[in-house]
Amino acid sequence: MSKGKKVLWITLIVLFVIVVGDTVGFFVYTSIYYHADQGAIVSYCEDYPDVKVEPLGDKGVVVKGEEVKAGVVFYPGAKVESKAYLPLCAALAHRGYATVLLNVPFRLAVLSPNRADGVQKALPEADRWYLAGHSLGGTIACHYAARHPADFDGVILLASFSDKDLSQTSLTVLSIYGDQDKVLHRRSYDKARSRYPLDFDEYVIEGGCHAGFGMYGEQKGDGTPTIDSAAQITLTADYIAAKLG
């Protein structure tokens, strides 16, 4: 074998090893995630017998109550099983905010930022629409809002912030986080304030933490909450309903 062919083969083998290593690393990384607490979810949702959960193909599920004041499209947080947000969606639906809870590939919304495409058709009775998301899911919701500002009335950020400028849009921006949250990057959060419209609203939940918006247990690096997830979810739904009307 000539020297040139040897170099080519070595290069191809090295590239193959790198690709395989990256692929294996990705699947190992995504295989470790926060699982929904099924028992806690069932217990909480029992308080809302009026709320129904309907499949929406591979997009996710529609969580709907007897009344529909508006629709919400929800992007889950990174590496969190989407079902963990069913209690929050049920609480919103009970208050009239039917919610499309998205399924995203490998539980990473960043891999499917356009997952919200077309979901509004599932709730034709909703004449107002909001994008929402937890943590990284909220940031991706803002990406979508920045590209489709005319299609939505606002964005709801849970322990999250926007890295896109929404200040020149007519979108309502609500931001909610817990005062015991140790995962949210506060410097980035504070910097993002300049990217919101002037009427931006903020609500800090006393005793709340980063993981408290879903039911998936403790999150690595989070603070110690003084209220449970059920209380944090109820406070969140109450605030959203009061602000959106």
Protein backbone atom coordinates (compact mmCIF):
# COMPACT_ATOMS: atom_id res chain seq x y z
CA MET A 1 0.00 0.00 0.00
CA SER A 2 1.39 3.40 -0.95
CA LYS A 3 2.10 6.06 1.65
CA GLY A 4 -0.75 8.20 0.29
CA LYS A 5 -3.27 5.38 0.66
CA LYS A 6 -2.05 4.64 4.20
CA VAL A 7 -2.62 8.28 5.19
CA LEU A 8 -6.09 8.18 3.63
CA TRP A 9 -7.04 4.99 5.48
CA ILE A 10 -5.72 6.31 8.78
CA THR A 11 -7.69 9.54 8.27
CA LEU A 12 -10.89 7.62 7.49
CA ILE A 13 -10.44 5.35 10.53
CA VAL A 14 -9.86 8.35 12.81
CA LEU A 15 -12.97 10.08 11.44
CA PHE A 16 -15.00 6.89 11.90
CA VAL A 17 -13.86 6.56 15.53
CA ILE A 18 -14.74 10.20 16.20
CA VAL A 19 -18.22 9.83 14.67
CA VAL A 20 -18.91 6.60 16.56
CA GLY A 21 -17.60 8.10 19.79
CA ASP A 22 -19.76 11.20 19.41
CA THR A 23 -22.82 9.09 18.58
CA VAL A 24 -22.33 6.81 21.56
CA GLY A 25 -21.68 9.80 23.79
CA PHE A 26 -24.88 11.48 22.62
CA PHE A 27 -27.01 8.41 23.31
CA VAL A 28 -25.40 7.93 26.73
CA TYR A 29 -26.04 11.59 27.55
CA THR A 30 -29.69 11.53 26.48
CA SER A 31 -30.40 8.17 28.11
CA ILE A 32 -29.91 9.78 31.52
CA TYR A 33 -32.88 12.02 32.21
CA TYR A 34 -35.43 13.04 34.83
CA HIS A 35 -38.36 10.63 34.91
CA ALA A 36 -41.89 11.77 35.63
CA ASP A 37 -43.21 10.86 39.09
CA GLN A 38 -46.28 8.96 37.96
CA GLY A 39 -47.78 8.60 41.42
CA ALA A 40 -47.50 12.31 42.19
CA ILE A 41 -48.93 13.18 38.78
CA VAL A 42 -51.99 10.97 39.24
CA SER A 43 -52.56 12.29 42.76
CA TYR A 44 -52.45 15.92 41.65
CA CYS A 45 -54.55 15.48 38.52
CA GLU A 46 -57.32 13.73 40.47
CA ASP A 47 -58.32 17.20 41.65
CA TYR A 48 -59.26 18.10 38.07
CA PRO A 49 -61.81 15.52 36.88
CA ASP A 50 -63.04 18.00 34.25
CA VAL A 51 -59.68 17.90 32.44
CA LYS A 52 -59.10 15.45 29.60
CA VAL A 53 -55.82 14.44 27.94
CA GLU A 54 -56.00 13.64 24.24
CA PRO A 55 -53.14 12.44 21.99
CA LEU A 56 -51.92 14.72 19.21
CA GLY A 57 -49.99 12.27 17.07
CA ASP A 58 -46.24 12.50 17.53
CA LYS A 59 -46.54 16.15 18.54
CA GLY A 60 -47.62 15.39 22.11
CA VAL A 61 -50.94 15.69 23.91
CA VAL A 62 -53.76 18.21 24.28
CA VAL A 63 -54.81 18.89 27.88
CA LYS A 64 -58.24 20.49 27.87
CA GLY A 65 -60.93 21.49 30.35
CA GLU A 66 -64.61 22.29 29.88
CA GLU A 67 -63.89 25.94 29.03
CA VAL A 68 -61.26 27.23 26.59
CA LYS A 69 -60.29 30.87 27.08
CA ALA A 70 -56.98 30.48 25.25
CA GLY A 71 -54.42 27.95 24.07
CA VAL A 72 -50.91 27.38 25.37
CA VAL A 73 -48.10 25.50 23.61
CA PHE A 74 -45.65 24.10 26.17
CA TYR A 75 -42.00 23.17 25.56
CA PRO A 76 -40.63 20.87 28.32
CA GLY A 77 -37.33 21.43 30.08
CA ALA A 78 -34.13 19.73 28.95
CA LYS A 79 -33.78 16.05 29.81
CA VAL A 80 -37.14 15.97 31.57
CA GLU A 81 -39.83 13.47 30.61
CA SER A 82 -42.67 15.56 29.17
CA LYS A 83 -45.31 13.80 31.29
CA ALA A 84 -43.81 15.51 34.33
CA TYR A 85 -45.59 18.70 33.24
CA LEU A 86 -49.06 17.15 33.02
CA PRO A 87 -50.04 18.53 36.46
CA LEU A 88 -49.23 22.10 35.40
CA CYS A 89 -51.05 21.59 32.10
CA ALA A 90 -54.06 20.19 33.97
CA ALA A 91 -54.07 23.14 36.36
CA LEU A 92 -53.99 25.55 33.42
CA ALA A 93 -56.67 23.64 31.51
CA HIS A 94 -58.95 23.69 34.57
CA ARG A 95 -58.61 27.49 34.56
CA GLY A 96 -59.52 27.70 30.88
CA TYR A 97 -56.07 27.52 29.28
CA ALA A 98 -56.05 24.41 27.14
CA THR A 99 -52.45 23.29 26.73
CA VAL A 100 -50.59 21.41 24.04
CA LEU A 101 -47.78 19.61 25.84
CA LEU A 102 -45.11 18.88 23.25
CA ASN A 103 -43.04 15.74 22.95
CA VAL A 104 -39.53 16.60 21.77
CA PRO A 105 -36.81 14.26 20.45
CA PHE A 106 -34.54 12.85 23.16
CA ARG A 107 -36.28 15.18 25.64
CA LEU A 108 -34.34 18.16 24.24
CA ALA A 109 -36.46 20.98 22.81
CA VAL A 110 -33.37 22.45 21.16
CA LEU A 111 -33.41 19.52 18.71
CA SER A 112 -36.92 20.39 17.53
CA PRO A 113 -37.52 24.15 17.90
CA ASN A 114 -40.33 24.08 15.32
CA ARG A 115 -42.30 21.40 17.15
CA ALA A 116 -45.10 23.92 17.65
CA ASP A 117 -45.79 24.10 13.92
CA GLY A 118 -49.46 23.44 13.19
CA VAL A 119 -50.57 22.56 16.73
CA GLN A 120 -53.02 25.45 16.91
CA LYS A 121 -55.28 23.52 14.57
CA ALA A 122 -55.97 21.12 17.46
CA LEU A 123 -57.88 23.85 19.32
CA PRO A 124 -59.82 25.91 16.77
CA GLU A 125 -61.97 27.33 19.58
CA ALA A 126 -58.98 29.16 21.10
CA ASP A 127 -58.79 32.76 19.87
CA ARG A 128 -55.68 33.61 21.87
CA TRP A 129 -52.43 31.65 21.92
CA TYR A 130 -49.36 31.65 24.13
CA LEU A 131 -46.02 29.90 24.00
CA ALA A 132 -44.60 28.58 27.25
CA GLY A 133 -41.66 26.55 28.45
CA HIS A 134 -39.62 25.48 31.42
CA SER A 135 -35.88 26.18 31.60
CA LEU A 136 -34.32 25.46 28.17
CA GLY A 137 -37.84 24.83 26.89
CA GLY A 138 -38.70 28.44 27.64
CA THR A 139 -35.71 29.69 25.70
CA ILE A 140 -36.73 27.58 22.70
CA ALA A 141 -40.31 28.88 23.02
CA CYS A 142 -38.85 32.39 22.69
CA HIS A 143 -36.97 31.33 19.55
CA TYR A 144 -40.28 30.25 18.06
CA ALA A 145 -42.03 33.42 19.24
CA ALA A 146 -39.34 35.59 17.64
CA ARG A 147 -39.99 33.91 14.29
CA HIS A 148 -43.81 33.94 14.60
CA PRO A 149 -44.71 37.04 16.65
CA ALA A 150 -47.99 37.59 14.79
CA ASP A 151 -49.25 34.09 15.58
CA PHE A 152 -49.14 34.38 19.37
CA ASP A 153 -50.24 36.77 22.09
CA GLY A 154 -47.45 36.13 24.53
CA VAL A 155 -44.73 33.99 26.09
CA ILE A 156 -44.70 32.38 29.53
CA LEU A 157 -41.23 31.67 30.94
CA LEU A 158 -40.80 29.26 33.84
CA ALA A 159 -37.32 29.45 35.38
CA SER A 160 -36.13 30.58 31.98
CA PHE A 161 -35.11 33.58 29.87
CA SER A 162 -34.98 34.65 26.23
CA ASP A 163 -31.80 35.02 24.21
CA LYS A 164 -33.87 36.56 21.39
CA ASP A 165 -34.99 40.19 21.32
CA LEU A 166 -38.76 40.38 21.83
CA SER A 167 -38.80 44.02 22.92
CA GLN A 168 -40.22 45.34 19.65
CA THR A 169 -43.06 42.84 19.50
CA SER A 170 -46.56 43.14 20.94
CA LEU A 171 -46.11 39.89 22.87
CA THR A 172 -47.02 39.70 26.54
CA VAL A 173 -44.09 38.24 28.49
CA LEU A 174 -44.61 36.60 31.87
CA SER A 175 -41.66 35.28 33.85
CA ILE A 176 -41.98 33.03 36.89
CA TYR A 177 -39.26 31.47 39.02
CA GLY A 178 -38.73 30.27 42.58
CA ASP A 179 -36.57 32.15 45.04
CA GLN A 180 -34.77 28.89 45.95
CA ASP A 181 -33.83 28.16 42.33
CA LYS A 182 -30.10 27.44 42.08
CA VAL A 183 -30.16 26.15 38.49
CA LEU A 184 -31.38 29.29 36.72
CA HIS A 185 -28.40 31.38 35.59
CA ARG A 186 -29.26 34.68 37.24
CA ARG A 187 -26.76 36.82 35.36
CA SER A 188 -28.18 35.65 32.02
CA TYR A 189 -31.71 36.02 33.39
CA ASP A 190 -31.11 39.64 34.47
CA LYS A 191 -29.40 40.47 31.17
CA ALA A 192 -32.43 39.17 29.27
CA ARG A 193 -34.75 41.78 30.81
CA SER A 194 -33.73 44.28 28.14
CA ARG A 195 -35.05 41.89 25.47
CA TYR A 196 -38.64 42.03 26.75
CA PRO A 197 -41.42 44.58 26.14
CA LEU A 198 -41.67 47.32 28.77
CA ASP A 199 -44.81 45.78 30.28
CA PHE A 200 -42.99 42.52 31.07
CA ASP A 201 -44.35 40.85 34.24
CA GLU A 202 -42.39 38.86 36.80
CA TYR A 203 -43.49 36.66 39.67
CA VAL A 204 -41.09 35.15 42.19
CA ILE A 205 -42.52 32.17 44.06
CA GLU A 206 -41.45 32.21 47.68
CA GLY A 207 -39.98 28.83 48.60
CA GLY A 208 -40.10 27.57 45.00
CA CYS A 209 -37.25 25.87 43.17
CA HIS A 210 -36.22 25.05 39.60
CA ALA A 211 -37.73 21.56 39.48
CA GLY A 212 -40.98 22.60 41.14
CA PHE A 213 -42.77 23.42 37.88
CA GLY A 214 -42.89 19.73 37.03
CA MET A 215 -43.17 16.50 38.97
CA TYR A 216 -39.91 14.67 38.40
CA GLY A 217 -38.20 14.84 41.77
CA GLU A 218 -35.07 16.75 42.70
CA GLN A 219 -32.83 18.30 40.07
CA LYS A 220 -29.05 18.28 40.36
CA GLY A 221 -27.69 21.60 41.60
CA ASP A 222 -31.09 22.96 42.61
CA GLY A 223 -31.83 24.71 45.88
CA THR A 224 -33.89 23.35 48.76
CA PRO A 225 -37.55 24.33 48.38
CA THR A 226 -39.79 25.14 51.31
CA ILE A 227 -42.96 24.29 49.36
CA ASP A 228 -43.73 21.14 47.37
CA SER A 229 -44.23 20.87 43.62
CA ALA A 230 -48.01 20.71 43.97
CA ALA A 231 -48.09 24.08 45.73
CA GLN A 232 -45.65 25.64 43.26
CA ILE A 233 -47.66 24.39 40.28
CA THR A 234 -50.93 25.73 41.73
CA LEU A 235 -49.38 29.14 42.44
CA THR A 236 -47.99 29.22 38.90
CA ALA A 237 -51.35 28.39 37.31
CA ASP A 238 -53.13 30.97 39.50
CA TYR A 239 -50.65 33.69 38.50
CA ILE A 240 -50.88 32.89 34.79
CA ALA A 241 -54.68 32.85 34.86
CA ALA A 242 -54.83 36.15 36.76
CA LYS A 243 -52.45 37.86 34.34
CA LEU A 244 -53.88 36.54 31.10
CA GLY A 245 -57.51 37.00 32.13
